[in-house]
Amino acid sequence: MFHCRVFFLCTCTFAHSVATLKSTRADLSACHPMLDFSHVAQYWKLDSTQHVSFLQDLGCEIRSNPSPESQDYTCGDGAFACVAKVPNANPNDYMCCNIKYSSRSGPRITNMLGESLDVWRAGLSTLVQIPKAREVAPTLLVQINVQPYAPYWYTMGCEDGRIAEVLVSGTSLGESNVTVRSGALHANESFAVRVGDGLWQELSWRTAVVDQAVTFVSSPSMMITGVITATDPQHWGPDASAVINVGGLSITVQQHTLGSADEGKPMLDVGVNGAYSKSQGVGGLLGPDGTILVQGTAPVPCMTIDASVSA
């Protein structure tokens, strides 16, 4: 028997050296990728003519290069030179935004031995693989997809990684793998379950009511149910969860959402319960070798706009 839960870790701050940044205007990036998730969400609600004032409210300053032929766009120590994407902008203008250095965090998991592990790497990671041997096709494979709320291709900031999806596959599921995605209950892409390449089956305010369970799949080999409920009403409101019963194991995916409306941050918490064959063993991060699998990984350094200091 084993039981594992996934928790979340706050960002840790590291000290970095700060230097004056120089560039040509053609090389300057846009300013908004340096925003965190909440500011990005607010930024894109604004008309493009309001973007400069929004950045100024965060401490960014408008600068102008008096000698464009020099192609030298400079900010003071600890500031980042960038441009606001606004219509009919002065070609000599740019902005200096004060920056702070930090690192990207990720989910913290507890393996079957009670050891805490940090998943720093974005993308797919294996939680459970049964049997452990890689040479054998797994009867059960549980993976997590760790992603930030704002995609890294969209923002260079310090968004923490969270479990965005859970993927379950293996011979015990037959030909169909199962994907559970995160999504706020009110969102266009809400919490949902998909079997194979089929349609997403949503669990949202549009499709369900509180404390009324729904069945997504019911077959001799697999049962998938879902419900919107408040599992911890003192800390969280009602949110979606799904339970996948397959191969003698129960995989529980519980969503928690921070915030609301367009700034809601849904994250997934995963629990695995059940019996397994000791002779086959358990691989993956939740197995006894989890600490070995994360050795050598570290949080990714990053920088973001420091709204507490003027450039």
C-alpha atoms as a PDB file:
ATOM      1  CA  MET A   1       0.000   0.000   0.000  1.00  0.00           C
ATOM      2  CA  PHE A   2       1.201   3.490  -0.673  1.00  0.00           C
ATOM      3  CA  HIS A   3      -0.217   6.974  -0.762  1.00  0.00           C
ATOM      4  CA  CYS A   4       1.277  10.033  -2.333  1.00  0.00           C
ATOM      5  CA  ARG A   5       0.157  13.630  -2.479  1.00  0.00           C
ATOM      6  CA  VAL A   6       1.475  16.524  -4.518  1.00  0.00           C
ATOM      7  CA  PHE A   7       2.010  19.901  -2.899  1.00  0.00           C
ATOM      8  CA  PHE A   8       3.282  23.249  -4.186  1.00  0.00           C
ATOM      9  CA  LEU A   9       6.387  25.158  -3.275  1.00  0.00           C
ATOM     10  CA  CYS A  10       6.788  28.916  -3.194  1.00  0.00           C
ATOM     11  CA  THR A  11       9.458  30.643  -5.232  1.00  0.00           C
ATOM     12  CA  CYS A  12      12.916  30.830  -3.639  1.00  0.00           C
ATOM     13  CA  THR A  13      15.002  33.965  -4.195  1.00  0.00           C
ATOM     14  CA  PHE A  14      18.674  33.843  -5.140  1.00  0.00           C
ATOM     15  CA  ALA A  15      21.194  36.641  -5.311  1.00  0.00           C
ATOM     16  CA  HIS A  16      22.551  37.580  -8.725  1.00  0.00           C
ATOM     17  CA  SER A  17      24.896  40.299  -9.897  1.00  0.00           C
ATOM     18  CA  VAL A  18      23.219  43.222 -11.669  1.00  0.00           C
ATOM     19  CA  ALA A  19      24.806  45.094 -14.546  1.00  0.00           C
ATOM     20  CA  THR A  20      23.916  47.960 -16.877  1.00  0.00           C
ATOM     21  CA  LEU A  21      22.159  46.646 -19.965  1.00  0.00           C
ATOM     22  CA  LYS A  22      22.847  48.140 -23.392  1.00  0.00           C
ATOM     23  CA  SER A  23      21.294  47.278 -26.728  1.00  0.00           C
ATOM     24  CA  THR A  24      20.223  48.606 -30.085  1.00  0.00           C
ATOM     25  CA  ARG A  25      16.532  49.427 -30.375  1.00  0.00           C
ATOM     26  CA  ALA A  26      16.038  46.769 -33.034  1.00  0.00           C
ATOM     27  CA  ASP A  27      17.202  44.191 -30.496  1.00  0.00           C
ATOM     28  CA  LEU A  28      15.027  45.398 -27.636  1.00  0.00           C
ATOM     29  CA  SER A  29      12.342  42.976 -26.547  1.00  0.00           C
ATOM     30  CA  ALA A  30       8.829  43.931 -25.573  1.00  0.00           C
ATOM     31  CA  CYS A  31       8.365  44.850 -21.910  1.00  0.00           C
ATOM     32  CA  HIS A  32       5.316  42.679 -21.175  1.00  0.00           C
ATOM     33  CA  PRO A  33       7.114  39.284 -21.179  1.00  0.00           C
ATOM     34  CA  MET A  34       8.788  40.438 -17.965  1.00  0.00           C
ATOM     35  CA  LEU A  35       5.438  40.623 -16.158  1.00  0.00           C
ATOM     36  CA  ASP A  36       4.167  37.955 -13.797  1.00  0.00           C
ATOM     37  CA  PHE A  37       0.891  36.125 -14.440  1.00  0.00           C
ATOM     38  CA  SER A  38      -1.435  38.511 -12.606  1.00  0.00           C
ATOM     39  CA  HIS A  39       0.051  41.565 -14.315  1.00  0.00           C
ATOM     40  CA  VAL A  40       0.015  39.859 -17.715  1.00  0.00           C
ATOM     41  CA  ALA A  41      -3.687  39.106 -17.275  1.00  0.00           C
ATOM     42  CA  GLN A  42      -4.359  42.774 -16.472  1.00  0.00           C
ATOM     43  CA  TYR A  43      -2.090  44.025 -19.270  1.00  0.00           C
ATOM     44  CA  TRP A  44      -3.980  42.278 -22.052  1.00  0.00           C
ATOM     45  CA  LYS A  45      -7.335  43.595 -20.844  1.00  0.00           C
ATOM     46  CA  LEU A  46      -6.139  47.125 -21.625  1.00  0.00           C
ATOM     47  CA  ASP A  47      -6.257  49.003 -24.877  1.00  0.00           C
ATOM     48  CA  SER A  48      -2.789  49.188 -26.444  1.00  0.00           C
ATOM     49  CA  THR A  49      -2.715  52.950 -25.803  1.00  0.00           C
ATOM     50  CA  GLN A  50      -2.839  52.212 -22.046  1.00  0.00           C
ATOM     51  CA  HIS A  51       0.121  49.832 -22.006  1.00  0.00           C
ATOM     52  CA  VAL A  52       2.731  52.527 -21.387  1.00  0.00           C
ATOM     53  CA  SER A  53       0.883  54.021 -18.414  1.00  0.00           C
ATOM     54  CA  PHE A  54       0.343  50.524 -17.007  1.00  0.00           C
ATOM     55  CA  LEU A  55       4.081  49.851 -17.134  1.00  0.00           C
ATOM     56  CA  GLN A  56       4.790  53.272 -15.628  1.00  0.00           C
ATOM     57  CA  ASP A  57       2.562  52.368 -12.686  1.00  0.00           C
ATOM     58  CA  LEU A  58       4.876  49.404 -12.139  1.00  0.00           C
ATOM     59  CA  GLY A  59       7.908  51.701 -11.949  1.00  0.00           C
ATOM     60  CA  CYS A  60       9.040  51.609 -15.590  1.00  0.00           C
ATOM     61  CA  GLU A  61      10.299  54.915 -16.999  1.00  0.00           C
ATOM     62  CA  ILE A  62      10.110  56.279 -20.530  1.00  0.00           C
ATOM     63  CA  ARG A  63      13.494  57.146 -21.989  1.00  0.00           C
ATOM     64  CA  SER A  64      14.460  58.627 -25.349  1.00  0.00           C
ATOM     65  CA  ASN A  65      17.712  58.186 -27.209  1.00  0.00           C
ATOM     66  CA  PRO A  66      18.767  61.684 -28.344  1.00  0.00           C
ATOM     67  CA  SER A  67      21.211  60.219 -30.866  1.00  0.00           C
ATOM     68  CA  PRO A  68      19.493  57.379 -32.718  1.00  0.00           C
ATOM     69  CA  GLU A  69      22.541  57.005 -34.957  1.00  0.00           C
ATOM     70  CA  SER A  70      24.496  55.792 -31.909  1.00  0.00           C
ATOM     71  CA  GLN A  71      22.049  52.926 -31.432  1.00  0.00           C
ATOM     72  CA  ASP A  72      22.821  52.915 -27.736  1.00  0.00           C
ATOM     73  CA  TYR A  73      19.785  52.330 -25.533  1.00  0.00           C
ATOM     74  CA  THR A  74      20.957  52.243 -21.953  1.00  0.00           C
ATOM     75  CA  CYS A  75      19.352  51.831 -18.544  1.00  0.00           C
ATOM     76  CA  GLY A  76      20.876  52.198 -15.110  1.00  0.00           C
ATOM     77  CA  ASP A  77      22.162  49.349 -13.002  1.00  0.00           C
ATOM     78  CA  GLY A  78      19.501  46.742 -12.308  1.00  0.00           C
ATOM     79  CA  ALA A  79      17.167  47.945 -15.064  1.00  0.00           C
ATOM     80  CA  PHE A  80      16.046  46.280 -18.283  1.00  0.00           C
ATOM     81  CA  ALA A  81      15.710  48.160 -21.587  1.00  0.00           C
ATOM     82  CA  CYS A  82      12.559  47.259 -23.495  1.00  0.00           C
ATOM     83  CA  VAL A  83       9.838  48.705 -25.703  1.00  0.00           C
ATOM     84  CA  ALA A  84       6.091  48.989 -25.220  1.00  0.00           C
ATOM     85  CA  LYS A  85       4.169  47.777 -28.238  1.00  0.00           C
ATOM     86  CA  VAL A  86       1.948  50.790 -28.837  1.00  0.00           C
ATOM     87  CA  PRO A  87       0.635  52.278 -32.093  1.00  0.00           C
ATOM     88  CA  ASN A  88       2.440  55.290 -33.575  1.00  0.00           C
ATOM     89  CA  ALA A  89       5.192  55.133 -30.968  1.00  0.00           C
ATOM     90  CA  ASN A  90       8.133  57.522 -31.149  1.00  0.00           C
ATOM     91  CA  PRO A  91      10.910  55.436 -32.765  1.00  0.00           C
ATOM     92  CA  ASN A  92      13.452  56.945 -30.355  1.00  0.00           C
ATOM     93  CA  ASP A  93      11.508  56.067 -27.210  1.00  0.00           C
ATOM     94  CA  TYR A  94      12.102  53.018 -25.048  1.00  0.00           C
ATOM     95  CA  MET A  95      11.460  52.059 -21.438  1.00  0.00           C
ATOM     96  CA  CYS A  96      13.638  51.141 -18.487  1.00  0.00           C
ATOM     97  CA  CYS A  97      12.068  48.704 -16.047  1.00  0.00           C
ATOM     98  CA  ASN A  98      13.742  47.747 -12.808  1.00  0.00           C
ATOM     99  CA  ILE A  99      14.232  43.988 -12.594  1.00  0.00           C
ATOM    100  CA  LYS A 100      14.679  41.468  -9.833  1.00  0.00           C
ATOM    101  CA  TYR A 101      16.268  38.046 -10.092  1.00  0.00           C
ATOM    102  CA  SER A 102      14.727  34.913  -8.726  1.00  0.00           C
ATOM    103  CA  SER A 103      14.137  31.321  -9.803  1.00  0.00           C
ATOM    104  CA  ARG A 104      11.242  29.303 -11.144  1.00  0.00           C
ATOM    105  CA  SER A 105       9.769  26.940  -8.633  1.00  0.00           C
ATOM    106  CA  GLY A 106       7.752  23.798  -9.257  1.00  0.00           C
ATOM    107  CA  PRO A 107       5.505  21.319  -7.488  1.00  0.00           C
ATOM    108  CA  ARG A 108       6.741  19.430  -4.438  1.00  0.00           C
ATOM    109  CA  ILE A 109       5.789  15.778  -4.199  1.00  0.00           C
ATOM    110  CA  THR A 110       6.018  13.208  -1.427  1.00  0.00           C
ATOM    111  CA  ASN A 111       7.038   9.716  -2.528  1.00  0.00           C
ATOM    112  CA  MET A 112       6.031   6.365  -1.059  1.00  0.00           C
ATOM    113  CA  LEU A 113       8.899   6.544   1.454  1.00  0.00           C
ATOM    114  CA  GLY A 114       7.703   9.901   2.776  1.00  0.00           C
ATOM    115  CA  GLU A 115      10.530  11.826   1.110  1.00  0.00           C
ATOM    116  CA  SER A 116       9.814  15.296  -0.305  1.00  0.00           C
ATOM    117  CA  LEU A 117      11.016  16.001  -3.847  1.00  0.00           C
ATOM    118  CA  ASP A 118      10.953  19.190  -5.908  1.00  0.00           C
ATOM    119  CA  VAL A 119      10.071  18.947  -9.601  1.00  0.00           C
ATOM    120  CA  TRP A 120      11.932  21.888 -11.137  1.00  0.00           C
ATOM    121  CA  ARG A 121      11.733  20.751 -14.762  1.00  0.00           C
ATOM    122  CA  ALA A 122       8.850  21.832 -16.969  1.00  0.00           C
ATOM    123  CA  GLY A 123       7.196  19.266 -19.213  1.00  0.00           C
ATOM    124  CA  LEU A 124       6.441  15.601 -18.615  1.00  0.00           C
ATOM    125  CA  SER A 125       7.706  13.714 -15.562  1.00  0.00           C
ATOM    126  CA  THR A 126       6.834  10.155 -14.562  1.00  0.00           C
ATOM    127  CA  LEU A 127       5.171   9.771 -11.167  1.00  0.00           C
ATOM    128  CA  VAL A 128       4.459   6.041 -11.228  1.00  0.00           C
ATOM    129  CA  GLN A 129       5.646   3.252 -13.523  1.00  0.00           C
ATOM    130  CA  ILE A 130       4.614  -0.345 -12.855  1.00  0.00           C
ATOM    131  CA  PRO A 131       6.547  -2.523 -13.320  1.00  0.00           C
ATOM    132  CA  LYS A 132       9.709  -0.583 -12.584  1.00  0.00           C
ATOM    133  CA  ALA A 133      11.798  -2.229 -15.328  1.00  0.00           C
ATOM    134  CA  ARG A 134      11.988   0.003 -18.383  1.00  0.00           C
ATOM    135  CA  GLU A 135      12.463  -2.970 -20.697  1.00  0.00           C
ATOM    136  CA  VAL A 136       8.903  -4.101 -20.014  1.00  0.00           C
ATOM    137  CA  ALA A 137       5.783  -2.348 -21.296  1.00  0.00           C
ATOM    138  CA  PRO A 138       4.225  -0.693 -18.220  1.00  0.00           C
ATOM    139  CA  THR A 139       0.902  -1.961 -16.979  1.00  0.00           C
ATOM    140  CA  LEU A 140       0.415   1.472 -15.440  1.00  0.00           C
ATOM    141  CA  LEU A 141       2.166   4.741 -16.226  1.00  0.00           C
ATOM    142  CA  VAL A 142       1.165   7.964 -14.463  1.00  0.00           C
ATOM    143  CA  GLN A 143       2.798  11.168 -15.713  1.00  0.00           C
ATOM    144  CA  ILE A 144       2.410  14.840 -14.866  1.00  0.00           C
ATOM    145  CA  ASN A 145       2.832  17.794 -17.201  1.00  0.00           C
ATOM    146  CA  VAL A 146       4.368  20.704 -15.289  1.00  0.00           C
ATOM    147  CA  GLN A 147       3.701  24.098 -16.854  1.00  0.00           C
ATOM    148  CA  PRO A 148       3.427  27.722 -15.678  1.00  0.00           C
ATOM    149  CA  TYR A 149       0.142  29.606 -15.738  1.00  0.00           C
ATOM    150  CA  ALA A 150       1.551  31.915 -18.411  1.00  0.00           C
ATOM    151  CA  PRO A 151       3.495  29.867 -21.010  1.00  0.00           C
ATOM    152  CA  TYR A 152       7.268  30.346 -20.990  1.00  0.00           C
ATOM    153  CA  TRP A 153       7.230  31.180 -24.707  1.00  0.00           C
ATOM    154  CA  TYR A 154       4.927  34.059 -23.795  1.00  0.00           C
ATOM    155  CA  THR A 155       6.657  35.388 -20.712  1.00  0.00           C
ATOM    156  CA  MET A 156      10.251  35.302 -19.520  1.00  0.00           C
ATOM    157  CA  GLY A 157       9.137  36.034 -15.992  1.00  0.00           C
ATOM    158  CA  CYS A 158       9.300  33.933 -12.861  1.00  0.00           C
ATOM    159  CA  GLU A 159       6.039  32.015 -13.112  1.00  0.00           C
ATOM    160  CA  ASP A 160       6.112  28.910 -10.943  1.00  0.00           C
ATOM    161  CA  GLY A 161       5.430  25.564 -12.550  1.00  0.00           C
ATOM    162  CA  ARG A 162       2.304  23.683 -11.480  1.00  0.00           C
ATOM    163  CA  ILE A 163       0.780  20.387 -12.502  1.00  0.00           C
ATOM    164  CA  ALA A 164      -1.325  21.346 -15.519  1.00  0.00           C
ATOM    165  CA  GLU A 165      -2.186  17.831 -16.729  1.00  0.00           C
ATOM    166  CA  VAL A 166      -2.125  14.247 -15.522  1.00  0.00           C
ATOM    167  CA  LEU A 167      -1.682  11.471 -18.088  1.00  0.00           C
ATOM    168  CA  VAL A 168      -2.467   7.823 -17.332  1.00  0.00           C
ATOM    169  CA  SER A 169      -1.593   4.998 -19.724  1.00  0.00           C
ATOM    170  CA  GLY A 170      -0.387   1.376 -19.752  1.00  0.00           C
ATOM    171  CA  THR A 171      -1.530  -2.056 -20.797  1.00  0.00           C
ATOM    172  CA  SER A 172      -4.085  -2.206 -17.969  1.00  0.00           C
ATOM    173  CA  LEU A 173      -5.984   0.595 -19.739  1.00  0.00           C
ATOM    174  CA  GLY A 174      -6.024  -1.208 -23.070  1.00  0.00           C
ATOM    175  CA  GLU A 175      -5.634   0.978 -26.142  1.00  0.00           C
ATOM    176  CA  SER A 176      -6.928   4.152 -24.471  1.00  0.00           C
ATOM    177  CA  ASN A 177      -4.843   6.499 -22.383  1.00  0.00           C
ATOM    178  CA  VAL A 178      -6.501   9.044 -20.068  1.00  0.00           C
ATOM    179  CA  THR A 179      -5.689  12.749 -19.789  1.00  0.00           C
ATOM    180  CA  VAL A 180      -6.970  15.039 -17.039  1.00  0.00           C
ATOM    181  CA  ARG A 181      -6.425  18.736 -17.654  1.00  0.00           C
ATOM    182  CA  SER A 182      -6.680  21.656 -15.241  1.00  0.00           C
ATOM    183  CA  GLY A 183      -9.011  24.565 -15.861  1.00  0.00           C
ATOM    184  CA  ALA A 184     -11.078  26.932 -13.743  1.00  0.00           C
ATOM    185  CA  LEU A 185     -14.710  25.872 -13.429  1.00  0.00           C
ATOM    186  CA  HIS A 186     -15.951  29.015 -15.183  1.00  0.00           C
ATOM    187  CA  ALA A 187     -13.297  29.048 -17.946  1.00  0.00           C
ATOM    188  CA  ASN A 188     -13.852  28.210 -21.600  1.00  0.00           C
ATOM    189  CA  GLU A 189     -11.329  25.397 -21.163  1.00  0.00           C
ATOM    190  CA  SER A 190     -12.320  24.065 -17.765  1.00  0.00           C
ATOM    191  CA  PHE A 191     -11.270  20.963 -15.836  1.00  0.00           C
ATOM    192  CA  ALA A 192     -11.888  18.019 -18.161  1.00  0.00           C
ATOM    193  CA  VAL A 193     -11.161  14.334 -18.825  1.00  0.00           C
ATOM    194  CA  ARG A 194     -10.330  12.797 -22.196  1.00  0.00           C
ATOM    195  CA  VAL A 195     -10.025   9.127 -23.093  1.00  0.00           C
ATOM    196  CA  GLY A 196      -7.715   8.447 -26.021  1.00  0.00           C
ATOM    197  CA  ASP A 197      -8.288  10.939 -28.835  1.00  0.00           C
ATOM    198  CA  GLY A 198     -11.930  11.411 -27.894  1.00  0.00           C
ATOM    199  CA  LEU A 199     -13.677  14.615 -26.948  1.00  0.00           C
ATOM    200  CA  TRP A 200     -12.926  16.434 -23.720  1.00  0.00           C
ATOM    201  CA  GLN A 201     -15.568  15.710 -21.084  1.00  0.00           C
ATOM    202  CA  GLU A 202     -15.842  18.848 -18.996  1.00  0.00           C
ATOM    203  CA  LEU A 203     -16.494  19.106 -15.302  1.00  0.00           C
ATOM    204  CA  SER A 204     -17.512  22.737 -14.853  1.00  0.00           C
ATOM    205  CA  TRP A 205     -20.323  25.005 -13.739  1.00  0.00           C
ATOM    206  CA  ARG A 206     -21.818  24.475 -17.203  1.00  0.00           C
ATOM    207  CA  THR A 207     -21.999  20.694 -16.871  1.00  0.00           C
ATOM    208  CA  ALA A 208     -22.342  19.796 -13.195  1.00  0.00           C
ATOM    209  CA  VAL A 209     -23.595  20.907  -9.795  1.00  0.00           C
ATOM    210  CA  VAL A 210     -21.898  20.726  -6.401  1.00  0.00           C
ATOM    211  CA  ASP A 211     -21.664  17.311  -4.713  1.00  0.00           C
ATOM    212  CA  GLN A 212     -23.311  15.473  -7.592  1.00  0.00           C
ATOM    213  CA  ALA A 213     -20.944  12.831  -8.990  1.00  0.00           C
ATOM    214  CA  VAL A 214     -20.704  12.124 -12.717  1.00  0.00           C
ATOM    215  CA  THR A 215     -19.365   9.025 -14.464  1.00  0.00           C
ATOM    216  CA  PHE A 216     -17.026   9.556 -17.396  1.00  0.00           C
ATOM    217  CA  VAL A 217     -16.098   5.907 -18.040  1.00  0.00           C
ATOM    218  CA  SER A 218     -17.512   2.647 -16.707  1.00  0.00           C
ATOM    219  CA  SER A 219     -16.015  -0.565 -18.055  1.00  0.00           C
ATOM    220  CA  PRO A 220     -14.683  -3.866 -16.634  1.00  0.00           C
ATOM    221  CA  SER A 221     -11.109  -2.568 -16.825  1.00  0.00           C
ATOM    222  CA  MET A 222     -11.529   1.063 -15.799  1.00  0.00           C
ATOM    223  CA  MET A 223     -13.854   3.426 -13.950  1.00  0.00           C
ATOM    224  CA  ILE A 224     -13.561   7.216 -14.083  1.00  0.00           C
ATOM    225  CA  THR A 225     -15.784   9.448 -11.986  1.00  0.00           C
ATOM    226  CA  GLY A 226     -15.770  13.140 -11.189  1.00  0.00           C
ATOM    227  CA  VAL A 227     -17.377  15.585  -8.809  1.00  0.00           C
ATOM    228  CA  ILE A 228     -17.340  19.258  -7.867  1.00  0.00           C
ATOM    229  CA  THR A 229     -17.058  19.515  -4.109  1.00  0.00           C
ATOM    230  CA  ALA A 230     -15.306  21.360  -1.301  1.00  0.00           C
ATOM    231  CA  THR A 231     -12.869  18.804   0.136  1.00  0.00           C
ATOM    232  CA  ASP A 232     -11.300  21.373   2.477  1.00  0.00           C
ATOM    233  CA  PRO A 233     -13.935  24.094   2.963  1.00  0.00           C
ATOM    234  CA  GLN A 234     -11.851  25.996   5.519  1.00  0.00           C
ATOM    235  CA  HIS A 235      -9.188  26.714   2.897  1.00  0.00           C
ATOM    236  CA  TRP A 236     -10.742  26.107  -0.537  1.00  0.00           C
ATOM    237  CA  GLY A 237     -14.110  26.540  -2.180  1.00  0.00           C
ATOM    238  CA  PRO A 238     -15.758  23.879  -4.338  1.00  0.00           C
ATOM    239  CA  ASP A 239     -13.554  22.606  -7.134  1.00  0.00           C
ATOM    240  CA  ALA A 240     -13.326  19.683  -9.541  1.00  0.00           C
ATOM    241  CA  SER A 241     -11.786  16.266  -8.979  1.00  0.00           C
ATOM    242  CA  ALA A 242     -11.605  12.992 -10.859  1.00  0.00           C
ATOM    243  CA  VAL A 243     -10.875   9.452  -9.672  1.00  0.00           C
ATOM    244  CA  ILE A 244      -9.457   6.843 -12.052  1.00  0.00           C
ATOM    245  CA  ASN A 245      -9.730   3.234 -10.846  1.00  0.00           C
ATOM    246  CA  VAL A 246      -7.623   0.849 -12.900  1.00  0.00           C
ATOM    247  CA  GLY A 247      -5.447  -2.201 -12.284  1.00  0.00           C
ATOM    248  CA  GLY A 248      -6.082  -2.304  -8.541  1.00  0.00           C
ATOM    249  CA  LEU A 249      -4.965   1.304  -8.099  1.00  0.00           C
ATOM    250  CA  SER A 250      -6.912   4.487  -7.535  1.00  0.00           C
ATOM    251  CA  ILE A 251      -5.557   7.744  -8.969  1.00  0.00           C
ATOM    252  CA  THR A 252      -7.186  10.858  -7.528  1.00  0.00           C
ATOM    253  CA  VAL A 253      -6.732  14.188  -9.306  1.00  0.00           C
ATOM    254  CA  GLN A 254      -7.942  17.125  -7.219  1.00  0.00           C
ATOM    255  CA  GLN A 255      -7.962  20.670  -8.554  1.00  0.00           C
ATOM    256  CA  HIS A 256      -7.421  23.785  -6.446  1.00  0.00           C
ATOM    257  CA  THR A 257      -7.891  27.244  -7.961  1.00  0.00           C
ATOM    258  CA  LEU A 258      -6.270  30.389  -6.606  1.00  0.00           C
ATOM    259  CA  GLY A 259      -8.049  33.609  -7.474  1.00  0.00           C
ATOM    260  CA  SER A 260     -11.053  33.989  -9.728  1.00  0.00           C
ATOM    261  CA  ALA A 261     -12.237  35.179 -13.126  1.00  0.00           C
ATOM    262  CA  ASP A 262      -9.469  35.747 -15.713  1.00  0.00           C
ATOM    263  CA  GLU A 263      -6.803  35.672 -13.013  1.00  0.00           C
ATOM    264  CA  GLY A 264      -7.754  32.260 -11.613  1.00  0.00           C
ATOM    265  CA  LYS A 265      -4.819  29.869 -11.204  1.00  0.00           C
ATOM    266  CA  PRO A 266      -5.913  26.207 -11.342  1.00  0.00           C
ATOM    267  CA  MET A 267      -3.433  23.581 -10.142  1.00  0.00           C
ATOM    268  CA  LEU A 268      -3.700  19.819  -9.784  1.00  0.00           C
ATOM    269  CA  ASP A 269      -2.953  17.689  -6.735  1.00  0.00           C
ATOM    270  CA  VAL A 270      -2.404  13.977  -7.397  1.00  0.00           C
ATOM    271  CA  GLY A 271      -2.833  11.037  -5.036  1.00  0.00           C
ATOM    272  CA  VAL A 272      -2.174   7.352  -5.773  1.00  0.00           C
ATOM    273  CA  ASN A 273      -3.511   4.548  -3.576  1.00  0.00           C
ATOM    274  CA  GLY A 274      -3.549   0.781  -3.915  1.00  0.00           C
ATOM    275  CA  ALA A 275      -1.561  -2.429  -3.872  1.00  0.00           C
ATOM    276  CA  TYR A 276       1.270  -3.400  -6.198  1.00  0.00           C
ATOM    277  CA  SER A 277       3.555  -6.375  -6.747  1.00  0.00           C
ATOM    278  CA  LYS A 278       6.810  -6.060  -4.803  1.00  0.00           C
ATOM    279  CA  SER A 279       8.536  -8.266  -7.342  1.00  0.00           C
ATOM    280  CA  GLN A 280       7.665  -5.827 -10.129  1.00  0.00           C
ATOM    281  CA  GLY A 281       8.504  -2.734  -8.104  1.00  0.00           C
ATOM    282  CA  VAL A 282       7.481   0.863  -8.622  1.00  0.00           C
ATOM    283  CA  GLY A 283       9.419   3.298 -10.789  1.00  0.00           C
ATOM    284  CA  GLY A 284       9.002   7.041 -11.167  1.00  0.00           C
ATOM    285  CA  LEU A 285       9.247   9.956  -8.783  1.00  0.00           C
ATOM    286  CA  LEU A 286       6.805   8.429  -6.311  1.00  0.00           C
ATOM    287  CA  GLY A 287       8.823   5.219  -6.147  1.00  0.00           C
ATOM    288  CA  PRO A 288      11.746   4.516  -3.809  1.00  0.00           C
ATOM    289  CA  ASP A 289      14.239   5.880  -6.369  1.00  0.00           C
ATOM    290  CA  GLY A 290      12.530   9.270  -6.609  1.00  0.00           C
ATOM    291  CA  THR A 291      15.337  11.147  -4.872  1.00  0.00           C
ATOM    292  CA  ILE A 292      17.852   9.683  -7.321  1.00  0.00           C
ATOM    293  CA  LEU A 293      15.758  10.751 -10.311  1.00  0.00           C
ATOM    294  CA  VAL A 294      15.716  14.412  -9.241  1.00  0.00           C
ATOM    295  CA  GLN A 295      19.400  14.593  -8.328  1.00  0.00           C
ATOM    296  CA  GLY A 296      21.258  17.233 -10.310  1.00  0.00           C
ATOM    297  CA  THR A 297      18.161  19.277 -11.124  1.00  0.00           C
ATOM    298  CA  ALA A 298      17.805  22.856  -9.927  1.00  0.00           C
ATOM    299  CA  PRO A 299      15.353  25.730 -10.259  1.00  0.00           C
ATOM    300  CA  VAL A 300      15.733  27.774 -13.450  1.00  0.00           C
ATOM    301  CA  PRO A 301      17.032  31.332 -12.887  1.00  0.00           C
ATOM    302  CA  CYS A 302      14.704  34.068 -14.087  1.00  0.00           C
ATOM    303  CA  MET A 303      14.014  37.760 -13.854  1.00  0.00           C
ATOM    304  CA  THR A 304      10.865  39.843 -13.683  1.00  0.00           C
ATOM    305  CA  ILE A 305       9.842  43.480 -13.344  1.00  0.00           C
ATOM    306  CA  ASP A 306      10.342  44.764  -9.797  1.00  0.00           C
ATOM    307  CA  ALA A 307       7.314  46.959  -9.220  1.00  0.00           C
ATOM    308  CA  SER A 308       8.590  48.023  -5.794  1.00  0.00           C
ATOM    309  CA  VAL A 309      11.486  50.085  -7.185  1.00  0.00           C
ATOM    310  CA  SER A 310      11.451  52.794  -9.822  1.00  0.00           C
ATOM    311  CA  ALA A 311      13.888  52.485 -12.701  1.00  0.00           C
END
